[in-house]
PDB file of N, CA and C in Angstrom:
ATOM      1  N   UNK A   1      85.119  87.534  87.810  1.00  0.00           N
ATOM      2  CA  UNK A   1      85.122  87.975  89.197  1.00  0.00           C
ATOM      3  C   UNK A   1      86.510  88.498  89.550  1.00  0.00           C
ATOM      4  N   UNK A   2      86.573  89.443  90.434  1.00  0.00           N
ATOM      5  CA  UNK A   2      87.837  90.065  90.830  1.00  0.00           C
ATOM      6  C   UNK A   2      88.683  89.079  91.632  1.00  0.00           C
ATOM      7  N   UNK A   3      89.950  88.953  91.296  1.00  0.00           N
ATOM      8  CA  UNK A   3      90.826  87.953  91.893  1.00  0.00           C
ATOM      9  C   UNK A   3      91.131  88.195  93.367  1.00  0.00           C
ATOM     10  N   UNK A   4      91.000  89.437  93.826  1.00  0.00           N
ATOM     11  CA  UNK A   4      91.372  89.751  95.195  1.00  0.00           C
ATOM     12  C   UNK A   4      90.332  89.302  96.221  1.00  0.00           C
ATOM     13  N   UNK A   5      89.302  88.584  95.786  1.00  0.00           N
ATOM     14  CA  UNK A   5      88.303  88.107  96.735  1.00  0.00           C
ATOM     15  C   UNK A   5      88.908  86.945  97.498  1.00  0.00           C
ATOM     16  N   UNK A   6      89.212  87.192  98.752  1.00  0.00           N
ATOM     17  CA  UNK A   6      89.805  86.153  99.580  1.00  0.00           C
ATOM     18  C   UNK A   6      89.058  85.974 100.883  1.00  0.00           C
ATOM     19  N   UNK A   7      88.085  86.832 101.165  1.00  0.00           N
ATOM     20  CA  UNK A   7      87.310  86.724 102.388  1.00  0.00           C
ATOM     21  C   UNK A   7      85.865  86.394 102.045  1.00  0.00           C
ATOM     22  N   UNK A   8      85.173  85.932 103.022  1.00  0.00           N
ATOM     23  CA  UNK A   8      83.749  85.682 102.884  1.00  0.00           C
ATOM     24  C   UNK A   8      83.059  86.316 104.072  1.00  0.00           C
ATOM     25  N   UNK A   9      81.874  86.865 103.852  1.00  0.00           N
ATOM     26  CA  UNK A   9      81.129  87.501 104.929  1.00  0.00           C
ATOM     27  C   UNK A   9      79.748  86.889 105.009  1.00  0.00           C
ATOM     28  N   UNK A  10      79.128  87.013 106.181  1.00  0.00           N
ATOM     29  CA  UNK A  10      77.790  86.522 106.402  1.00  0.00           C
ATOM     30  C   UNK A  10      76.808  87.643 106.100  1.00  0.00           C
ATOM     31  N   UNK A  11      75.757  87.353 105.373  1.00  0.00           N
ATOM     32  CA  UNK A  11      74.749  88.352 105.046  1.00  0.00           C
ATOM     33  C   UNK A  11      73.389  87.683 105.056  1.00  0.00           C
ATOM     34  N   UNK A  12      72.373  88.448 105.463  1.00  0.00           N
ATOM     35  CA  UNK A  12      71.016  87.926 105.443  1.00  0.00           C
ATOM     36  C   UNK A  12      70.430  88.204 104.059  1.00  0.00           C
ATOM     37  N   UNK A  13      70.043  87.145 103.369  1.00  0.00           N
ATOM     38  CA  UNK A  13      69.469  87.244 102.032  1.00  0.00           C
ATOM     39  C   UNK A  13      68.145  86.500 102.045  1.00  0.00           C
ATOM     40  N   UNK A  14      67.065  87.231 101.744  1.00  0.00           N
ATOM     41  CA  UNK A  14      65.719  86.648 101.765  1.00  0.00           C
ATOM     42  C   UNK A  14      65.423  85.948 103.079  1.00  0.00           C
ATOM     43  N   UNK A  15      65.835  86.562 104.178  1.00  0.00           N
ATOM     44  CA  UNK A  15      65.572  86.026 105.506  1.00  0.00           C
ATOM     45  C   UNK A  15      66.520  84.931 105.946  1.00  0.00           C
ATOM     46  N   UNK A  16      67.393  84.492 105.085  1.00  0.00           N
ATOM     47  CA  UNK A  16      68.335  83.415 105.411  1.00  0.00           C
ATOM     48  C   UNK A  16      69.743  83.977 105.495  1.00  0.00           C
ATOM     49  N   UNK A  17      70.543  83.419 106.384  1.00  0.00           N
ATOM     50  CA  UNK A  17      71.946  83.811 106.448  1.00  0.00           C
ATOM     51  C   UNK A  17      72.725  83.003 105.414  1.00  0.00           C
ATOM     52  N   UNK A  18      73.512  83.730 104.608  1.00  0.00           N
ATOM     53  CA  UNK A  18      74.330  83.075 103.601  1.00  0.00           C
ATOM     54  C   UNK A  18      75.736  83.654 103.638  1.00  0.00           C
ATOM     55  N   UNK A  19      76.681  82.848 103.242  1.00  0.00           N
ATOM     56  CA  UNK A  19      78.070  83.290 103.139  1.00  0.00           C
ATOM     57  C   UNK A  19      78.282  83.755 101.704  1.00  0.00           C
ATOM     58  N   UNK A  20      78.810  84.962 101.556  1.00  0.00           N
ATOM     59  CA  UNK A  20      79.040  85.517 100.223  1.00  0.00           C
ATOM     60  C   UNK A  20      80.498  85.978 100.106  1.00  0.00           C
ATOM     61  N   UNK A  21      81.035  85.988  98.888  1.00  0.00           N
ATOM     62  CA  UNK A  21      82.427  86.421  98.703  1.00  0.00           C
ATOM     63  C   UNK A  21      82.571  87.928  98.871  1.00  0.00           C
ATOM     64  N   UNK A  22      83.720  88.351  99.354  1.00  0.00           N
ATOM     65  CA  UNK A  22      83.994  89.778  99.552  1.00  0.00           C
ATOM     66  C   UNK A  22      85.489  90.024  99.406  1.00  0.00           C
ATOM     67  N   UNK A  23      85.876  91.223  98.960  1.00  0.00           N
ATOM     68  CA  UNK A  23      87.317  91.523  98.894  1.00  0.00           C
ATOM     69  C   UNK A  23      87.891  91.647 100.299  1.00  0.00           C
ATOM     70  N   UNK A  24      89.138  91.252 100.449  1.00  0.00           N
ATOM     71  CA  UNK A  24      89.810  91.360 101.740  1.00  0.00           C
ATOM     72  C   UNK A  24      89.977  92.832 102.096  1.00  0.00           C
ATOM     73  N   UNK A  25      89.591  93.207 103.305  1.00  0.00           N
ATOM     74  CA  UNK A  25      89.700  94.598 103.760  1.00  0.00           C
ATOM     75  C   UNK A  25      91.171  94.959 103.937  1.00  0.00           C
ATOM     76  N   UNK A  26      91.542  96.140 103.425  1.00  0.00           N
ATOM     77  CA  UNK A  26      92.922  96.601 103.535  1.00  0.00           C
ATOM     78  C   UNK A  26      93.283  96.857 104.989  1.00  0.00           C
ATOM     79  N   UNK A  27      94.481  96.480 105.359  1.00  0.00           N
ATOM     80  CA  UNK A  27      94.987  96.740 106.704  1.00  0.00           C
ATOM     81  C   UNK A  27      95.460  98.190 106.786  1.00  0.00           C
ATOM     82  N   UNK A  28      95.564  98.736 107.993  1.00  0.00           N
ATOM     83  CA  UNK A  28      96.094 100.103 108.123  1.00  0.00           C
ATOM     84  C   UNK A  28      97.452 100.213 107.419  1.00  0.00           C
ATOM     85  N   UNK A  29      97.636 101.294 106.682  1.00  0.00           N
ATOM     86  CA  UNK A  29      98.846 101.607 105.932  1.00  0.00           C
ATOM     87  C   UNK A  29      99.096 100.676 104.746  1.00  0.00           C
ATOM     88  N   UNK A  30      98.191  99.745 104.467  1.00  0.00           N
ATOM     89  CA  UNK A  30      98.310  98.909 103.273  1.00  0.00           C
ATOM     90  C   UNK A  30      97.666  99.659 102.110  1.00  0.00           C
ATOM     91  N   UNK A  31      98.431  99.895 101.081  1.00  0.00           N
ATOM     92  CA  UNK A  31      97.938 100.631  99.922  1.00  0.00           C
ATOM     93  C   UNK A  31      97.792  99.681  98.746  1.00  0.00           C
ATOM     94  N   UNK A  32      96.585  99.622  98.221  1.00  0.00           N
ATOM     95  CA  UNK A  32      96.273  98.771  97.069  1.00  0.00           C
ATOM     96  C   UNK A  32      95.074  99.381  96.354  1.00  0.00           C
ATOM     97  N   UNK A  33      94.753  98.853  95.177  1.00  0.00           N
ATOM     98  CA  UNK A  33      93.572  99.327  94.466  1.00  0.00           C
ATOM     99  C   UNK A  33      92.336  99.174  95.348  1.00  0.00           C
ATOM    100  N   UNK A  34      91.420 100.128  95.254  1.00  0.00           N
ATOM    101  CA  UNK A  34      90.144 100.036  95.952  1.00  0.00           C
ATOM    102  C   UNK A  34      89.207  99.221  95.067  1.00  0.00           C
ATOM    103  N   UNK A  35      88.602  98.202  95.655  1.00  0.00           N
ATOM    104  CA  UNK A  35      87.727  97.294  94.912  1.00  0.00           C
ATOM    105  C   UNK A  35      86.307  97.430  95.437  1.00  0.00           C
ATOM    106  N   UNK A  36      85.346  97.489  94.507  1.00  0.00           N
ATOM    107  CA  UNK A  36      83.934  97.492  94.891  1.00  0.00           C
ATOM    108  C   UNK A  36      83.209  96.421  94.084  1.00  0.00           C
ATOM    109  N   UNK A  37      82.230  95.787  94.727  1.00  0.00           N
ATOM    110  CA  UNK A  37      81.443  94.752  94.078  1.00  0.00           C
ATOM    111  C   UNK A  37      79.980  94.942  94.486  1.00  0.00           C
ATOM    112  N   UNK A  38      79.096  94.861  93.517  1.00  0.00           N
ATOM    113  CA  UNK A  38      77.664  94.814  93.803  1.00  0.00           C
ATOM    114  C   UNK A  38      77.098  93.650  92.999  1.00  0.00           C
ATOM    115  N   UNK A  39      76.354  92.799  93.669  1.00  0.00           N
ATOM    116  CA  UNK A  39      75.724  91.670  92.997  1.00  0.00           C
ATOM    117  C   UNK A  39      74.256  91.651  93.387  1.00  0.00           C
ATOM    118  N   UNK A  40      73.409  92.174  92.526  1.00  0.00           N
ATOM    119  CA  UNK A  40      71.984  92.243  92.824  1.00  0.00           C
ATOM    120  C   UNK A  40      71.352  90.862  92.989  1.00  0.00           C
ATOM    121  N   UNK A  41      71.986  89.838  92.456  1.00  0.00           N
ATOM    122  CA  UNK A  41      71.477  88.478  92.651  1.00  0.00           C
ATOM    123  C   UNK A  41      71.662  88.011  94.086  1.00  0.00           C
ATOM    124  N   UNK A  42      72.508  88.694  94.823  1.00  0.00           N
ATOM    125  CA  UNK A  42      72.734  88.357  96.232  1.00  0.00           C
ATOM    126  C   UNK A  42      72.156  89.442  97.139  1.00  0.00           C
ATOM    127  N   UNK A  43      71.009  89.973  96.811  1.00  0.00           N
ATOM    128  CA  UNK A  43      70.356  90.948  97.679  1.00  0.00           C
ATOM    129  C   UNK A  43      71.046  92.286  97.691  1.00  0.00           C
ATOM    130  N   UNK A  44      71.445  92.785  96.532  1.00  0.00           N
ATOM    131  CA  UNK A  44      72.154  94.069  96.419  1.00  0.00           C
ATOM    132  C   UNK A  44      73.412  94.094  97.269  1.00  0.00           C
ATOM    133  N   UNK A  45      74.130  93.001  97.287  1.00  0.00           N
ATOM    134  CA  UNK A  45      75.391  92.924  98.028  1.00  0.00           C
ATOM    135  C   UNK A  45      76.319  94.036  97.582  1.00  0.00           C
ATOM    136  N   UNK A  46      76.808  94.813  98.549  1.00  0.00           N
ATOM    137  CA  UNK A  46      77.830  95.819  98.270  1.00  0.00           C
ATOM    138  C   UNK A  46      79.026  95.481  99.131  1.00  0.00           C
ATOM    139  N   UNK A  47      80.142  95.274  98.502  1.00  0.00           N
ATOM    140  CA  UNK A  47      81.364  94.947  99.237  1.00  0.00           C
ATOM    141  C   UNK A  47      82.496  95.825  98.730  1.00  0.00           C
ATOM    142  N   UNK A  48      83.385  96.141  99.631  1.00  0.00           N
ATOM    143  CA  UNK A  48      84.580  96.885  99.280  1.00  0.00           C
ATOM    144  C   UNK A  48      85.702  96.478 100.226  1.00  0.00           C
ATOM    145  N   UNK A  49      86.917  96.806  99.858  1.00  0.00           N
ATOM    146  CA  UNK A  49      88.063  96.490 100.706  1.00  0.00           C
ATOM    147  C   UNK A  49      88.479  97.672 101.589  1.00  0.00           C
ATOM    148  N   UNK A  50      87.626  98.682 101.691  1.00  0.00           N
ATOM    149  CA  UNK A  50      87.890  99.845 102.543  1.00  0.00           C
ATOM    150  C   UNK A  50      87.043  99.748 103.812  1.00  0.00           C
ATOM    151  N   UNK A  51      87.662  99.963 104.960  1.00  0.00           N
ATOM    152  CA  UNK A  51      86.938  99.938 106.234  1.00  0.00           C
ATOM    153  C   UNK A  51      86.155 101.231 106.443  1.00  0.00           C
ATOM    154  N   UNK A  52      85.038 101.114 107.127  1.00  0.00           N
ATOM    155  CA  UNK A  52      84.239 102.280 107.515  1.00  0.00           C
ATOM    156  C   UNK A  52      84.855 102.837 108.799  1.00  0.00           C
ATOM    157  N   UNK A  53      85.443 104.029 108.707  1.00  0.00           N
ATOM    158  CA  UNK A  53      86.027 104.659 109.892  1.00  0.00           C
ATOM    159  C   UNK A  53      85.501 106.064 110.112  1.00  0.00           C
ATOM    160  N   UNK A  54      84.765 106.583 109.119  1.00  0.00           N
ATOM    161  CA  UNK A  54      84.365 107.981 109.194  1.00  0.00           C
ATOM    162  C   UNK A  54      83.010 108.163 108.530  1.00  0.00           C
ATOM    163  N   UNK A  55      82.165 108.977 109.131  1.00  0.00           N
ATOM    164  CA  UNK A  55      80.866 109.299 108.545  1.00  0.00           C
ATOM    165  C   UNK A  55      79.735 108.965 109.485  1.00  0.00           C
ATOM    166  N   UNK A  56      78.572 109.460 109.160  1.00  0.00           N
ATOM    167  CA  UNK A  56      77.392 109.218 109.981  1.00  0.00           C
ATOM    168  C   UNK A  56      76.849 107.824 109.693  1.00  0.00           C
ATOM    169  N   UNK A  57      76.705 107.041 110.733  1.00  0.00           N
ATOM    170  CA  UNK A  57      76.161 105.702 110.562  1.00  0.00           C
ATOM    171  C   UNK A  57      74.683 105.725 110.919  1.00  0.00           C
ATOM    172  N   UNK A  58      73.865 105.168 110.059  1.00  0.00           N
ATOM    173  CA  UNK A  58      72.437 104.991 110.335  1.00  0.00           C
ATOM    174  C   UNK A  58      71.999 103.727 109.614  1.00  0.00           C
ATOM    175  N   UNK A  59      70.814 103.198 109.897  1.00  0.00           N
ATOM    176  CA  UNK A  59      70.418 101.896 109.339  1.00  0.00           C
ATOM    177  C   UNK A  59      70.500 101.795 107.823  1.00  0.00           C
ATOM    178  N   UNK A  60      70.267 102.864 107.092  1.00  0.00           N
ATOM    179  CA  UNK A  60      70.323 102.814 105.640  1.00  0.00           C
ATOM    180  C   UNK A  60      71.670 103.262 105.078  1.00  0.00           C
ATOM    181  N   UNK A  61      72.632 103.500 105.975  1.00  0.00           N
ATOM    182  CA  UNK A  61      73.944 103.983 105.535  1.00  0.00           C
ATOM    183  C   UNK A  61      74.736 102.847 104.907  1.00  0.00           C
ATOM    184  N   UNK A  62      75.732 103.219 104.200  1.00  0.00           N
ATOM    185  CA  UNK A  62      76.637 102.244 103.623  1.00  0.00           C
ATOM    186  C   UNK A  62      77.391 102.867 102.479  1.00  0.00           C
ATOM    187  N   UNK A  63      78.488 102.260 102.131  1.00  0.00           N
ATOM    188  CA  UNK A  63      79.250 102.753 101.007  1.00  0.00           C
ATOM    189  C   UNK A  63      78.447 102.539  99.736  1.00  0.00           C
ATOM    190  N   UNK A  64      78.482 103.530  98.888  1.00  0.00           N
ATOM    191  CA  UNK A  64      77.799 103.464  97.596  1.00  0.00           C
ATOM    192  C   UNK A  64      78.709 104.048  96.543  1.00  0.00           C
ATOM    193  N   UNK A  65      78.374 103.806  95.289  1.00  0.00           N
ATOM    194  CA  UNK A  65      79.129 104.344  94.162  1.00  0.00           C
ATOM    195  C   UNK A  65      78.205 104.381  92.954  1.00  0.00           C
ATOM    196  N   UNK A  66      78.644 105.088  91.929  1.00  0.00           N
ATOM    197  CA  UNK A  66      77.873 105.153  90.696  1.00  0.00           C
ATOM    198  C   UNK A  66      76.933 106.341  90.604  1.00  0.00           C
ATOM    199  N   UNK A  67      76.955 107.224  91.565  1.00  0.00           N
ATOM    200  CA  UNK A  67      76.145 108.437  91.561  1.00  0.00           C
ATOM    201  C   UNK A  67      76.712 109.382  92.603  1.00  0.00           C
ATOM    202  N   UNK A  68      76.183 110.593  92.686  1.00  0.00           N
ATOM    203  CA  UNK A  68      76.608 111.565  93.699  1.00  0.00           C
ATOM    204  C   UNK A  68      75.556 111.604  94.796  1.00  0.00           C
ATOM    205  N   UNK A  69      75.935 111.263  95.981  1.00  0.00           N
ATOM    206  CA  UNK A  69      75.012 111.256  97.117  1.00  0.00           C
ATOM    207  C   UNK A  69      75.781 111.043  98.404  1.00  0.00           C
ATOM    208  N   UNK A  70      75.054 110.841  99.509  1.00  0.00           N
ATOM    209  CA  UNK A  70      75.705 110.697 100.811  1.00  0.00           C
ATOM    210  C   UNK A  70      76.548 109.423 100.902  1.00  0.00           C
ATOM    211  N   UNK A  71      76.034 108.297 100.411  1.00  0.00           N
ATOM    212  CA  UNK A  71      76.808 107.050 100.448  1.00  0.00           C
ATOM    213  C   UNK A  71      78.120 107.169  99.687  1.00  0.00           C
ATOM    214  N   UNK A  72      78.096 107.674  98.449  1.00  0.00           N
ATOM    215  CA  UNK A  72      79.352 107.872  97.726  1.00  0.00           C
ATOM    216  C   UNK A  72      80.274 108.906  98.386  1.00  0.00           C
ATOM    217  N   UNK A  73      79.683 109.932  99.008  1.00  0.00           N
ATOM    218  CA  UNK A  73      80.494 110.935  99.701  1.00  0.00           C
ATOM    219  C   UNK A  73      81.208 110.313 100.891  1.00  0.00           C
ATOM    220  N   UNK A  74      80.491 109.512 101.684  1.00  0.00           N
ATOM    221  CA  UNK A  74      81.114 108.823 102.819  1.00  0.00           C
ATOM    222  C   UNK A  74      82.191 107.853 102.339  1.00  0.00           C
ATOM    223  N   UNK A  75      81.902 107.168 101.244  1.00  0.00           N
ATOM    224  CA  UNK A  75      82.882 106.229 100.697  1.00  0.00           C
ATOM    225  C   UNK A  75      84.151 106.972 100.279  1.00  0.00           C
ATOM    226  N   UNK A  76      83.992 108.091  99.581  1.00  0.00           N
ATOM    227  CA  UNK A  76      85.140 108.899  99.157  1.00  0.00           C
ATOM    228  C   UNK A  76      85.959 109.359 100.365  1.00  0.00           C
ATOM    229  N   UNK A  77      85.289 109.834 101.405  1.00  0.00           N
ATOM    230  CA  UNK A  77      85.993 110.295 102.607  1.00  0.00           C
ATOM    231  C   UNK A  77      86.761 109.150 103.257  1.00  0.00           C
ATOM    232  N   UNK A  78      86.169 107.955 103.298  1.00  0.00           N
ATOM    233  CA  UNK A  78      86.845 106.819 103.918  1.00  0.00           C
ATOM    234  C   UNK A  78      88.026 106.332 103.092  1.00  0.00           C
ATOM    235  N   UNK A  79      87.930 106.401 101.776  1.00  0.00           N
ATOM    236  CA  UNK A  79      89.081 106.057 100.937  1.00  0.00           C
ATOM    237  C   UNK A  79      90.221 107.028 101.226  1.00  0.00           C
ATOM    238  N   UNK A  80      89.910 108.314 101.236  1.00  0.00           N
ATOM    239  CA  UNK A  80      90.949 109.312 101.517  1.00  0.00           C
ATOM    240  C   UNK A  80      91.500 109.160 102.926  1.00  0.00           C
ATOM    241  N   UNK A  81      90.650 108.847 103.892  1.00  0.00           N
ATOM    242  CA  UNK A  81      91.134 108.620 105.266  1.00  0.00           C
ATOM    243  C   UNK A  81      92.143 107.476 105.270  1.00  0.00           C
ATOM    244  N   UNK A  82      91.835 106.402 104.567  1.00  0.00           N
ATOM    245  CA  UNK A  82      92.745 105.254 104.543  1.00  0.00           C
ATOM    246  C   UNK A  82      94.080 105.622 103.894  1.00  0.00           C
ATOM    247  N   UNK A  83      94.026 106.305 102.764  1.00  0.00           N
ATOM    248  CA  UNK A  83      95.243 106.592 102.011  1.00  0.00           C
ATOM    249  C   UNK A  83      96.057 107.745 102.588  1.00  0.00           C
ATOM    250  N   UNK A  84      95.487 108.527 103.503  1.00  0.00           N
ATOM    251  CA  UNK A  84      96.236 109.619 104.139  1.00  0.00           C
ATOM    252  C   UNK A  84      96.529 109.313 105.608  1.00  0.00           C
ATOM    253  N   UNK A  85      96.410 108.058 105.991  1.00  0.00           N
ATOM    254  CA  UNK A  85      96.611 107.646 107.381  1.00  0.00           C
ATOM    255  C   UNK A  85      95.740 108.466 108.335  1.00  0.00           C
ATOM    256  N   UNK A  86      94.468 108.570 107.984  1.00  0.00           N
ATOM    257  CA  UNK A  86      93.425 109.185 108.807  1.00  0.00           C
ATOM    258  C   UNK A  86      93.561 110.698 108.951  1.00  0.00           C
ATOM    259  N   UNK A  87      93.962 111.357 107.883  1.00  0.00           N
ATOM    260  CA  UNK A  87      94.002 112.820 107.879  1.00  0.00           C
ATOM    261  C   UNK A  87      92.574 113.317 107.620  1.00  0.00           C
ATOM    262  N   UNK A  88      91.851 113.547 108.710  1.00  0.00           N
ATOM    263  CA  UNK A  88      90.441 113.919 108.622  1.00  0.00           C
ATOM    264  C   UNK A  88      90.235 115.254 107.909  1.00  0.00           C
ATOM    265  N   UNK A  89      91.091 116.219 108.189  1.00  0.00           N
ATOM    266  CA  UNK A  89      90.960 117.537 107.561  1.00  0.00           C
ATOM    267  C   UNK A  89      91.083 117.426 106.044  1.00  0.00           C
ATOM    268  N   UNK A  90      92.111 116.740 105.574  1.00  0.00           N
ATOM    269  CA  UNK A  90      92.302 116.553 104.136  1.00  0.00           C
ATOM    270  C   UNK A  90      91.118 115.798 103.530  1.00  0.00           C
ATOM    271  N   UNK A  91      90.708 114.722 104.180  1.00  0.00           N
ATOM    272  CA  UNK A  91      89.635 113.879 103.652  1.00  0.00           C
ATOM    273  C   UNK A  91      88.325 114.638 103.517  1.00  0.00           C
ATOM    274  N   UNK A  92      87.999 115.444 104.502  1.00  0.00           N
ATOM    275  CA  UNK A  92      86.773 116.246 104.436  1.00  0.00           C
ATOM    276  C   UNK A  92      86.863 117.326 103.369  1.00  0.00           C
ATOM    277  N   UNK A  93      88.014 117.927 103.262  1.00  0.00           N
ATOM    278  CA  UNK A  93      88.201 119.024 102.317  1.00  0.00           C
ATOM    279  C   UNK A  93      88.113 118.567 100.862  1.00  0.00           C
ATOM    280  N   UNK A  94      88.526 117.340 100.581  1.00  0.00           N
ATOM    281  CA  UNK A  94      88.633 116.884  99.197  1.00  0.00           C
ATOM    282  C   UNK A  94      87.671 115.751  98.835  1.00  0.00           C
ATOM    283  N   UNK A  95      86.800 115.357  99.742  1.00  0.00           N
ATOM    284  CA  UNK A  95      85.923 114.206  99.488  1.00  0.00           C
ATOM    285  C   UNK A  95      84.959 114.422  98.322  1.00  0.00           C
ATOM    286  N   UNK A  96      84.432 115.630  98.139  1.00  0.00           N
ATOM    287  CA  UNK A  96      83.474 115.877  97.056  1.00  0.00           C
ATOM    288  C   UNK A  96      84.168 115.777  95.697  1.00  0.00           C
ATOM    289  N   UNK A  97      85.330 116.415  95.573  1.00  0.00           N
ATOM    290  CA  UNK A  97      86.062 116.343  94.312  1.00  0.00           C
ATOM    291  C   UNK A  97      86.474 114.904  93.998  1.00  0.00           C
ATOM    292  N   UNK A  98      86.946 114.185  95.021  1.00  0.00           N
ATOM    293  CA  UNK A  98      87.335 112.788  94.835  1.00  0.00           C
ATOM    294  C   UNK A  98      86.119 111.948  94.441  1.00  0.00           C
ATOM    295  N   UNK A  99      84.998 112.187  95.105  1.00  0.00           N
ATOM    296  CA  UNK A  99      83.757 111.466  94.776  1.00  0.00           C
ATOM    297  C   UNK A  99      83.397 111.657  93.312  1.00  0.00           C
ATOM    298  N   UNK A 100      83.401 112.911  92.862  1.00  0.00           N
ATOM    299  CA  UNK A 100      82.987 113.188  91.486  1.00  0.00           C
ATOM    300  C   UNK A 100      83.949 112.594  90.462  1.00  0.00           C
ATOM    301  N   UNK A 101      85.228 112.571  90.798  1.00  0.00           N
ATOM    302  CA  UNK A 101      86.230 112.069  89.849  1.00  0.00           C
ATOM    303  C   UNK A 101      86.279 110.542  89.806  1.00  0.00           C
ATOM    304  N   UNK A 102      86.132 109.876  90.954  1.00  0.00           N
ATOM    305  CA  UNK A 102      86.358 108.437  91.013  1.00  0.00           C
ATOM    306  C   UNK A 102      85.152 107.601  91.426  1.00  0.00           C
ATOM    307  N   UNK A 103      84.378 108.071  92.377  1.00  0.00           N
ATOM    308  CA  UNK A 103      83.320 107.239  92.963  1.00  0.00           C
ATOM    309  C   UNK A 103      82.008 107.348  92.186  1.00  0.00           C
ATOM    310  N   UNK A 104      81.590 108.558  91.862  1.00  0.00           N
ATOM    311  CA  UNK A 104      80.321 108.754  91.160  1.00  0.00           C
ATOM    312  C   UNK A 104      80.369 108.192  89.741  1.00  0.00           C
ATOM    313  N   UNK A 105      81.549 108.113  89.165  1.00  0.00           N
ATOM    314  CA  UNK A 105      81.695 107.632  87.788  1.00  0.00           C
ATOM    315  C   UNK A 105      81.875 106.115  87.695  1.00  0.00           C
ATOM    316  N   UNK A 106      81.979 105.452  88.836  1.00  0.00           N
ATOM    317  CA  UNK A 106      82.176 104.003  88.842  1.00  0.00           C
ATOM    318  C   UNK A 106      80.883 103.296  88.417  1.00  0.00           C
ATOM    319  N   UNK A 107      80.984 102.224  87.639  1.00  0.00           N
ATOM    320  CA  UNK A 107      79.777 101.490  87.256  1.00  0.00           C
ATOM    321  C   UNK A 107      79.025 100.949  88.474  1.00  0.00           C
ATOM    322  N   UNK A 108      77.715 100.860  88.375  1.00  0.00           N
ATOM    323  CA  UNK A 108      76.883 100.381  89.487  1.00  0.00           C
ATOM    324  C   UNK A 108      77.321  99.003  89.979  1.00  0.00           C
ATOM    325  N   UNK A 109      77.715  98.131  89.045  1.00  0.00           N
ATOM    326  CA  UNK A 109      78.087  96.773  89.454  1.00  0.00           C
ATOM    327  C   UNK A 109      79.430  96.731  90.178  1.00  0.00           C
ATOM    328  N   UNK A 110      80.172  97.827  90.156  1.00  0.00           N
ATOM    329  CA  UNK A 110      81.436  97.898  90.879  1.00  0.00           C
ATOM    330  C   UNK A 110      82.620  98.040  89.949  1.00  0.00           C
ATOM    331  N   UNK A 111      83.765  97.987  90.532  1.00  0.00           N
ATOM    332  CA  UNK A 111      84.988  98.136  89.759  1.00  0.00           C
ATOM    333  C   UNK A 111      86.160  98.387  90.676  1.00  0.00           C
ATOM    334  N   UNK A 112      87.096  99.162  90.166  1.00  0.00           N
ATOM    335  CA  UNK A 112      88.298  99.428  90.967  1.00  0.00           C
ATOM    336  C   UNK A 112      88.767 100.846  90.730  1.00  0.00           C
ATOM    337  N   UNK A 113      89.367 101.403  91.766  1.00  0.00           N
ATOM    338  CA  UNK A 113      90.056 102.688  91.675  1.00  0.00           C
ATOM    339  C   UNK A 113      91.527 102.359  91.899  1.00  0.00           C
ATOM    340  N   UNK A 114      92.328 102.632  90.919  1.00  0.00           N
ATOM    341  CA  UNK A 114      93.751 102.284  90.990  1.00  0.00           C
ATOM    342  C   UNK A 114      94.449 103.045  92.116  1.00  0.00           C
ATOM    343  N   UNK A 115      95.279 102.323  92.821  1.00  0.00           N
ATOM    344  CA  UNK A 115      96.080 102.899  93.909  1.00  0.00           C
ATOM    345  C   UNK A 115      96.867 104.103  93.406  1.00  0.00           C
ATOM    346  N   UNK A 116      97.467 103.976  92.233  1.00  0.00           N
ATOM    347  CA  UNK A 116      98.289 105.057  91.679  1.00  0.00           C
ATOM    348  C   UNK A 116      97.454 106.321  91.430  1.00  0.00           C
ATOM    349  N   UNK A 117      96.206 106.147  90.978  1.00  0.00           N
ATOM    350  CA  UNK A 117      95.325 107.299  90.741  1.00  0.00           C
ATOM    351  C   UNK A 117      94.976 108.004  92.046  1.00  0.00           C
ATOM    352  N   UNK A 118      94.751 107.224  93.093  1.00  0.00           N
ATOM    353  CA  UNK A 118      94.435 107.808  94.407  1.00  0.00           C
ATOM    354  C   UNK A 118      95.642 108.585  94.929  1.00  0.00           C
ATOM    355  N   UNK A 119      96.814 107.954  94.864  1.00  0.00           N
ATOM    356  CA  UNK A 119      98.031 108.617  95.349  1.00  0.00           C
ATOM    357  C   UNK A 119      98.359 109.866  94.546  1.00  0.00           C
ATOM    358  N   UNK A 120      98.107 109.833  93.239  1.00  0.00           N
ATOM    359  CA  UNK A 120      98.334 111.006  92.384  1.00  0.00           C
ATOM    360  C   UNK A 120      97.351 112.121  92.756  1.00  0.00           C
ATOM    361  N   UNK A 121      96.103 111.786  93.020  1.00  0.00           N
ATOM    362  CA  UNK A 121      95.116 112.769  93.437  1.00  0.00           C
ATOM    363  C   UNK A 121      95.571 113.450  94.729  1.00  0.00           C
ATOM    364  N   UNK A 122      95.994 112.661  95.701  1.00  0.00           N
ATOM    365  CA  UNK A 122      96.440 113.193  96.995  1.00  0.00           C
ATOM    366  C   UNK A 122      97.681 114.065  96.804  1.00  0.00           C
ATOM    367  N   UNK A 123      98.636 113.593  96.037  1.00  0.00           N
ATOM    368  CA  UNK A 123      99.857 114.358  95.799  1.00  0.00           C
ATOM    369  C   UNK A 123      99.546 115.687  95.127  1.00  0.00           C
ATOM    370  N   UNK A 124      98.610 115.696  94.200  1.00  0.00           N
ATOM    371  CA  UNK A 124      98.228 116.927  93.514  1.00  0.00           C
ATOM    372  C   UNK A 124      97.584 117.964  94.428  1.00  0.00           C
ATOM    373  N   UNK A 125      96.963 117.490  95.478  1.00  0.00           N
ATOM    374  CA  UNK A 125      96.303 118.399  96.430  1.00  0.00           C
ATOM    375  C   UNK A 125      97.256 118.870  97.532  1.00  0.00           C
ATOM    376  N   UNK A 126      98.319 118.136  97.755  1.00  0.00           N
ATOM    377  CA  UNK A 126      99.250 118.519  98.820  1.00  0.00           C
ATOM    378  C   UNK A 126     100.486 119.235  98.311  1.00  0.00           C
ATOM    379  N   UNK A 127     100.612 119.328  96.992  1.00  0.00           N
ATOM    380  CA  UNK A 127     101.799 119.980  96.408  1.00  0.00           C
ATOM    381  C   UNK A 127     101.735 121.487  96.575  1.00  0.00           C
TER     382      UNK A 127
END
């Protein structure tokens, strides 16, 4: 299990509320590796340390990874928003490329995107 799990969240699993482990959400301007976790034994639990600040919210929405689609696209945009201090123009412009390079290729069960890789991606686009 990933060591950065320091928070717990409440989730409804099989009609019951249960407390499940989750990575601590990054604070504004805090830069660290992006962590994702999926545990199908806990009702397809999807957790990440990135806050949802951008994208269309609907009942089936949520951050996703491991394929190319709307969930991974929103996740990519929110990662870029966090790492660029909410530069919406940059995040929208580069979310698809970032998704394909980092989010769509992530294993379904989760993983991490290194902080250095994210910062290098951003630097390469702003140079």
